[in-house]
Amino acid sequence: MSSSHDDNEKSIVNKQKLIDILMGVNGLCNKYYHLKTNEGKTEFVFDINDLKKRVQQGGFEIKGFDRKPQLVKLLKKIQDEDGYIEVKGGKFILLEKGIEHCRQLYPTMP
């Protein structure tokens, strides 16, 4: 039987893993850079369903989070605890704090 402490620890590890994937190669930072540089966008809104899609299909290719409710719960946790994104309906939005995080990870980013 797992305790709530174990579940909480697992949730923290999963949230950090999702942040690492989301902000990593082919992730939000890459999409932000492309949309800002090539399309002049100032709003960065993505469909939650795109998280599982292949990169070639415009997705993020997130693996290891099989259930969408679990993924949405972790996205909301990132929203509430880190402030990188905002979850709205079936979408999530890269916020200024997330953009700043991208700039720290990739200093050459505009």
N, C-alpha and C. Protein backbone atom coordinates (compact mmCIF):
# COMPACT_ATOMS: atom_id res chain seq x y z
N MET A 1 0.84 -1.19 0.00
CA MET A 1 0.00 0.00 0.00
C MET A 1 0.89 1.24 0.00
N SER A 2 0.58 2.17 -0.87
CA SER A 2 1.42 3.37 -0.91
C SER A 2 0.81 4.48 -0.06
N SER A 3 1.66 5.20 0.59
CA SER A 3 1.19 6.28 1.45
C SER A 3 1.01 7.55 0.62
N SER A 4 0.32 8.53 1.19
CA SER A 4 0.13 9.79 0.47
C SER A 4 1.47 10.49 0.27
N HIS A 5 2.43 10.23 1.18
CA HIS A 5 3.77 10.80 1.03
C HIS A 5 4.43 10.25 -0.24
N ASP A 6 4.32 8.94 -0.45
CA ASP A 6 4.88 8.32 -1.65
C ASP A 6 4.20 8.85 -2.91
N ASP A 7 2.88 8.98 -2.86
CA ASP A 7 2.13 9.52 -4.00
C ASP A 7 2.55 10.95 -4.29
N ASN A 8 2.74 11.73 -3.25
CA ASN A 8 3.15 13.12 -3.41
C ASN A 8 4.54 13.20 -4.03
N GLU A 9 5.45 12.35 -3.54
CA GLU A 9 6.81 12.32 -4.09
C GLU A 9 6.79 11.92 -5.56
N LYS A 10 5.98 10.93 -5.89
CA LYS A 10 5.85 10.48 -7.28
C LYS A 10 5.30 11.61 -8.14
N SER A 11 4.35 12.34 -7.62
CA SER A 11 3.76 13.45 -8.34
C SER A 11 4.80 14.55 -8.61
N ILE A 12 5.65 14.82 -7.63
CA ILE A 12 6.71 15.83 -7.79
C ILE A 12 7.70 15.38 -8.86
N VAL A 13 8.09 14.10 -8.83
CA VAL A 13 9.02 13.55 -9.82
C VAL A 13 8.38 13.62 -11.21
N ASN A 14 7.11 13.21 -11.31
CA ASN A 14 6.42 13.24 -12.60
C ASN A 14 6.26 14.66 -13.13
N LYS A 15 5.97 15.59 -12.24
CA LYS A 15 5.83 16.99 -12.66
C LYS A 15 7.16 17.50 -13.20
N GLN A 16 8.26 17.21 -12.51
CA GLN A 16 9.57 17.67 -12.96
C GLN A 16 9.94 17.01 -14.29
N LYS A 17 9.60 15.73 -14.42
CA LYS A 17 9.87 15.02 -15.68
C LYS A 17 9.10 15.68 -16.82
N LEU A 18 7.84 16.02 -16.57
CA LEU A 18 7.02 16.67 -17.60
C LEU A 18 7.57 18.06 -17.94
N ILE A 19 8.01 18.82 -16.94
CA ILE A 19 8.64 20.13 -17.21
C ILE A 19 9.87 19.94 -18.08
N ASP A 20 10.71 18.97 -17.73
CA ASP A 20 11.94 18.73 -18.50
C ASP A 20 11.63 18.38 -19.95
N ILE A 21 10.61 17.56 -20.16
CA ILE A 21 10.23 17.17 -21.53
C ILE A 21 9.59 18.37 -22.24
N LEU A 22 8.67 19.04 -21.56
CA LEU A 22 7.97 20.18 -22.17
C LEU A 22 8.93 21.29 -22.60
N MET A 23 9.93 21.56 -21.77
CA MET A 23 10.86 22.65 -22.05
C MET A 23 12.09 22.19 -22.83
N GLY A 24 12.19 20.88 -23.05
CA GLY A 24 13.37 20.32 -23.71
C GLY A 24 13.32 20.43 -25.23
N VAL A 25 14.14 19.64 -25.89
CA VAL A 25 14.22 19.61 -27.34
C VAL A 25 12.83 19.30 -27.91
N ASN A 26 12.43 20.03 -28.95
CA ASN A 26 11.12 19.90 -29.59
C ASN A 26 9.96 20.29 -28.66
N GLY A 27 10.27 20.94 -27.57
CA GLY A 27 9.24 21.31 -26.61
C GLY A 27 8.76 22.74 -26.79
N LEU A 28 8.21 23.26 -25.71
CA LEU A 28 7.63 24.60 -25.73
C LEU A 28 8.62 25.68 -26.14
N CYS A 29 9.85 25.57 -25.65
CA CYS A 29 10.85 26.61 -25.96
C CYS A 29 11.12 26.65 -27.46
N ASN A 30 11.24 25.49 -28.07
CA ASN A 30 11.47 25.40 -29.50
C ASN A 30 10.28 25.97 -30.27
N LYS A 31 9.06 25.62 -29.84
CA LYS A 31 7.86 26.12 -30.50
C LYS A 31 7.73 27.63 -30.31
N TYR A 32 8.02 28.10 -29.11
CA TYR A 32 8.00 29.54 -28.84
C TYR A 32 8.96 30.27 -29.79
N TYR A 33 10.19 29.77 -29.88
CA TYR A 33 11.21 30.39 -30.73
C TYR A 33 10.74 30.43 -32.18
N HIS A 34 10.22 29.32 -32.68
CA HIS A 34 9.75 29.24 -34.05
C HIS A 34 8.60 30.22 -34.31
N LEU A 35 7.60 30.19 -33.42
CA LEU A 35 6.42 31.05 -33.61
C LEU A 35 6.77 32.53 -33.51
N LYS A 36 7.67 32.88 -32.59
CA LYS A 36 8.06 34.28 -32.42
C LYS A 36 8.93 34.75 -33.59
N THR A 37 9.92 33.95 -33.94
CA THR A 37 10.89 34.35 -34.96
C THR A 37 10.32 34.26 -36.38
N ASN A 38 9.64 33.16 -36.69
CA ASN A 38 9.19 32.93 -38.06
C ASN A 38 7.79 33.45 -38.35
N GLU A 39 6.96 33.55 -37.32
CA GLU A 39 5.58 33.96 -37.56
C GLU A 39 5.20 35.24 -36.82
N GLY A 40 6.12 35.78 -36.02
CA GLY A 40 5.86 37.03 -35.30
C GLY A 40 4.76 36.93 -34.25
N LYS A 41 4.48 35.74 -33.79
CA LYS A 41 3.41 35.54 -32.80
C LYS A 41 3.79 36.13 -31.45
N THR A 42 2.78 36.56 -30.72
CA THR A 42 3.01 37.06 -29.36
C THR A 42 2.21 36.24 -28.34
N GLU A 43 1.33 35.35 -28.83
CA GLU A 43 0.58 34.46 -27.95
C GLU A 43 0.94 33.03 -28.32
N PHE A 44 1.13 32.21 -27.32
CA PHE A 44 1.62 30.86 -27.54
C PHE A 44 0.66 29.86 -26.91
N VAL A 45 -0.38 29.50 -27.68
CA VAL A 45 -1.45 28.63 -27.21
C VAL A 45 -1.35 27.28 -27.93
N PHE A 46 -1.43 26.22 -27.15
CA PHE A 46 -1.28 24.87 -27.69
C PHE A 46 -2.42 23.98 -27.21
N ASP A 47 -2.77 23.01 -28.02
CA ASP A 47 -3.82 22.06 -27.70
C ASP A 47 -3.24 20.95 -26.82
N ILE A 48 -3.93 20.61 -25.75
CA ILE A 48 -3.46 19.55 -24.86
C ILE A 48 -3.31 18.23 -25.63
N ASN A 49 -4.17 17.99 -26.61
CA ASN A 49 -4.08 16.76 -27.41
C ASN A 49 -2.78 16.70 -28.21
N ASP A 50 -2.14 17.85 -28.46
CA ASP A 50 -0.87 17.87 -29.20
C ASP A 50 0.29 17.30 -28.39
N LEU A 51 0.12 17.18 -27.08
CA LEU A 51 1.20 16.68 -26.23
C LEU A 51 1.62 15.27 -26.64
N LYS A 52 0.67 14.45 -27.04
CA LYS A 52 0.95 13.05 -27.38
C LYS A 52 1.30 12.88 -28.86
N LYS A 53 0.96 13.87 -29.70
CA LYS A 53 1.22 13.75 -31.14
C LYS A 53 2.70 13.75 -31.44
N ARG A 54 3.06 13.15 -32.56
CA ARG A 54 4.46 13.15 -33.00
C ARG A 54 4.89 14.56 -33.35
N VAL A 55 6.17 14.85 -33.20
CA VAL A 55 6.72 16.17 -33.50
C VAL A 55 6.42 16.54 -34.96
N GLN A 56 6.52 15.57 -35.85
CA GLN A 56 6.28 15.82 -37.27
C GLN A 56 4.83 16.25 -37.54
N GLN A 57 3.93 15.95 -36.60
CA GLN A 57 2.53 16.34 -36.73
C GLN A 57 2.24 17.62 -35.93
N GLY A 58 3.29 18.30 -35.52
CA GLY A 58 3.12 19.53 -34.75
C GLY A 58 2.95 19.30 -33.26
N GLY A 59 3.21 18.08 -32.82
CA GLY A 59 3.02 17.75 -31.41
C GLY A 59 4.30 17.84 -30.61
N PHE A 60 4.21 17.32 -29.38
CA PHE A 60 5.34 17.36 -28.45
C PHE A 60 5.94 15.98 -28.20
N GLU A 61 5.23 14.94 -28.64
CA GLU A 61 5.67 13.55 -28.49
C GLU A 61 6.00 13.20 -27.03
N ILE A 62 5.10 13.57 -26.13
CA ILE A 62 5.27 13.26 -24.70
C ILE A 62 4.95 11.79 -24.49
N LYS A 63 5.90 11.08 -23.93
CA LYS A 63 5.71 9.64 -23.66
C LYS A 63 5.77 9.41 -22.15
N GLY A 64 5.15 8.33 -21.72
CA GLY A 64 5.23 7.94 -20.31
C GLY A 64 4.09 8.49 -19.46
N PHE A 65 3.23 9.29 -20.05
CA PHE A 65 2.04 9.78 -19.34
C PHE A 65 0.84 9.30 -20.15
N ASP A 66 0.40 8.08 -19.87
CA ASP A 66 -0.57 7.43 -20.74
C ASP A 66 -1.99 7.97 -20.61
N ARG A 67 -2.35 8.40 -19.45
CA ARG A 67 -3.72 8.85 -19.24
C ARG A 67 -3.80 10.37 -19.32
N LYS A 68 -4.69 10.86 -20.17
CA LYS A 68 -4.86 12.30 -20.34
C LYS A 68 -5.20 13.01 -19.03
N PRO A 69 -6.10 12.44 -18.19
CA PRO A 69 -6.39 13.13 -16.91
C PRO A 69 -5.14 13.35 -16.05
N GLN A 70 -4.22 12.36 -16.07
CA GLN A 70 -2.97 12.48 -15.31
C GLN A 70 -2.13 13.63 -15.89
N LEU A 71 -2.08 13.71 -17.20
CA LEU A 71 -1.32 14.75 -17.88
C LEU A 71 -1.90 16.13 -17.57
N VAL A 72 -3.21 16.26 -17.63
CA VAL A 72 -3.88 17.54 -17.34
C VAL A 72 -3.63 17.93 -15.89
N LYS A 73 -3.70 16.97 -14.98
CA LYS A 73 -3.46 17.23 -13.56
C LYS A 73 -2.04 17.77 -13.35
N LEU A 74 -1.06 17.16 -14.04
CA LEU A 74 0.33 17.63 -13.92
C LEU A 74 0.51 19.00 -14.57
N LEU A 75 -0.16 19.25 -15.69
CA LEU A 75 -0.11 20.58 -16.31
C LEU A 75 -0.64 21.64 -15.35
N LYS A 76 -1.75 21.32 -14.68
CA LYS A 76 -2.33 22.27 -13.71
C LYS A 76 -1.39 22.48 -12.52
N LYS A 77 -0.69 21.42 -12.14
CA LYS A 77 0.29 21.52 -11.05
C LYS A 77 1.44 22.45 -11.48
N ILE A 78 1.91 22.32 -12.72
CA ILE A 78 2.95 23.21 -13.25
C ILE A 78 2.42 24.64 -13.27
N GLN A 79 1.17 24.82 -13.68
CA GLN A 79 0.54 26.14 -13.69
C GLN A 79 0.54 26.74 -12.29
N ASP A 80 0.06 25.97 -11.31
CA ASP A 80 -0.12 26.47 -9.96
C ASP A 80 1.20 26.66 -9.21
N GLU A 81 2.16 25.76 -9.43
CA GLU A 81 3.39 25.79 -8.64
C GLU A 81 4.54 26.52 -9.33
N ASP A 82 4.58 26.50 -10.65
CA ASP A 82 5.71 27.09 -11.37
C ASP A 82 5.34 28.32 -12.19
N GLY A 83 4.10 28.40 -12.61
CA GLY A 83 3.63 29.57 -13.36
C GLY A 83 4.15 29.66 -14.78
N TYR A 84 4.63 28.55 -15.35
CA TYR A 84 5.15 28.57 -16.72
C TYR A 84 4.05 28.56 -17.75
N ILE A 85 2.93 27.94 -17.41
CA ILE A 85 1.82 27.79 -18.34
C ILE A 85 0.51 28.10 -17.64
N GLU A 86 -0.53 28.29 -18.46
CA GLU A 86 -1.89 28.40 -17.94
C GLU A 86 -2.71 27.37 -18.68
N VAL A 87 -3.50 26.59 -17.96
CA VAL A 87 -4.36 25.58 -18.56
C VAL A 87 -5.76 26.17 -18.66
N LYS A 88 -6.31 26.16 -19.88
CA LYS A 88 -7.66 26.70 -20.12
C LYS A 88 -8.39 25.75 -21.04
N GLY A 89 -9.41 25.08 -20.50
CA GLY A 89 -10.16 24.12 -21.31
C GLY A 89 -9.23 23.04 -21.83
N GLY A 90 -9.25 22.79 -23.12
CA GLY A 90 -8.40 21.77 -23.73
C GLY A 90 -7.09 22.33 -24.24
N LYS A 91 -6.73 23.53 -23.77
CA LYS A 91 -5.51 24.19 -24.26
C LYS A 91 -4.60 24.56 -23.09
N PHE A 92 -3.35 24.84 -23.44
CA PHE A 92 -2.44 25.41 -22.46
C PHE A 92 -1.63 26.51 -23.14
N ILE A 93 -1.31 27.52 -22.36
CA ILE A 93 -0.69 28.73 -22.88
C ILE A 93 0.66 28.93 -22.21
N LEU A 94 1.68 29.18 -23.01
CA LEU A 94 3.00 29.49 -22.48
C LEU A 94 2.97 30.93 -21.97
N LEU A 95 3.25 31.12 -20.69
CA LEU A 95 3.21 32.44 -20.06
C LEU A 95 4.60 33.07 -20.03
N GLU A 96 4.65 34.34 -19.66
CA GLU A 96 5.92 35.08 -19.60
C GLU A 96 6.95 34.38 -18.72
N LYS A 97 6.50 33.82 -17.59
CA LYS A 97 7.44 33.13 -16.70
C LYS A 97 8.02 31.89 -17.40
N GLY A 98 7.23 31.21 -18.22
CA GLY A 98 7.71 30.08 -19.00
C GLY A 98 8.70 30.52 -20.07
N ILE A 99 8.42 31.66 -20.69
CA ILE A 99 9.33 32.23 -21.69
C ILE A 99 10.66 32.58 -21.03
N GLU A 100 10.61 33.17 -19.85
CA GLU A 100 11.84 33.49 -19.11
C GLU A 100 12.63 32.22 -18.80
N HIS A 101 11.91 31.16 -18.44
CA HIS A 101 12.57 29.87 -18.17
C HIS A 101 13.27 29.37 -19.43
N CYS A 102 12.62 29.52 -20.57
CA CYS A 102 13.23 29.13 -21.86
C CYS A 102 14.50 29.94 -22.10
N ARG A 103 14.45 31.22 -21.80
CA ARG A 103 15.63 32.07 -22.02
C ARG A 103 16.78 31.67 -21.11
N GLN A 104 16.47 31.18 -19.92
CA GLN A 104 17.52 30.70 -19.02
C GLN A 104 18.12 29.40 -19.56
N LEU A 105 17.26 28.53 -20.08
CA LEU A 105 17.73 27.26 -20.63
C LEU A 105 18.52 27.45 -21.91
N TYR A 106 18.06 28.40 -22.72
CA TYR A 106 18.66 28.64 -24.05
C TYR A 106 18.97 30.14 -24.17
N PRO A 107 20.11 30.58 -23.67
CA PRO A 107 20.44 32.02 -23.58
C PRO A 107 20.42 32.77 -24.92
N THR A 108 20.54 32.09 -26.06
CA THR A 108 20.53 32.79 -27.33
C THR A 108 19.11 33.07 -27.84
N MET A 109 18.12 32.63 -27.09
CA MET A 109 16.73 32.79 -27.50
C MET A 109 16.29 34.24 -27.32
N PRO A 110 15.49 34.77 -28.29
CA PRO A 110 15.02 36.17 -28.19
C PRO A 110 14.00 36.37 -27.08
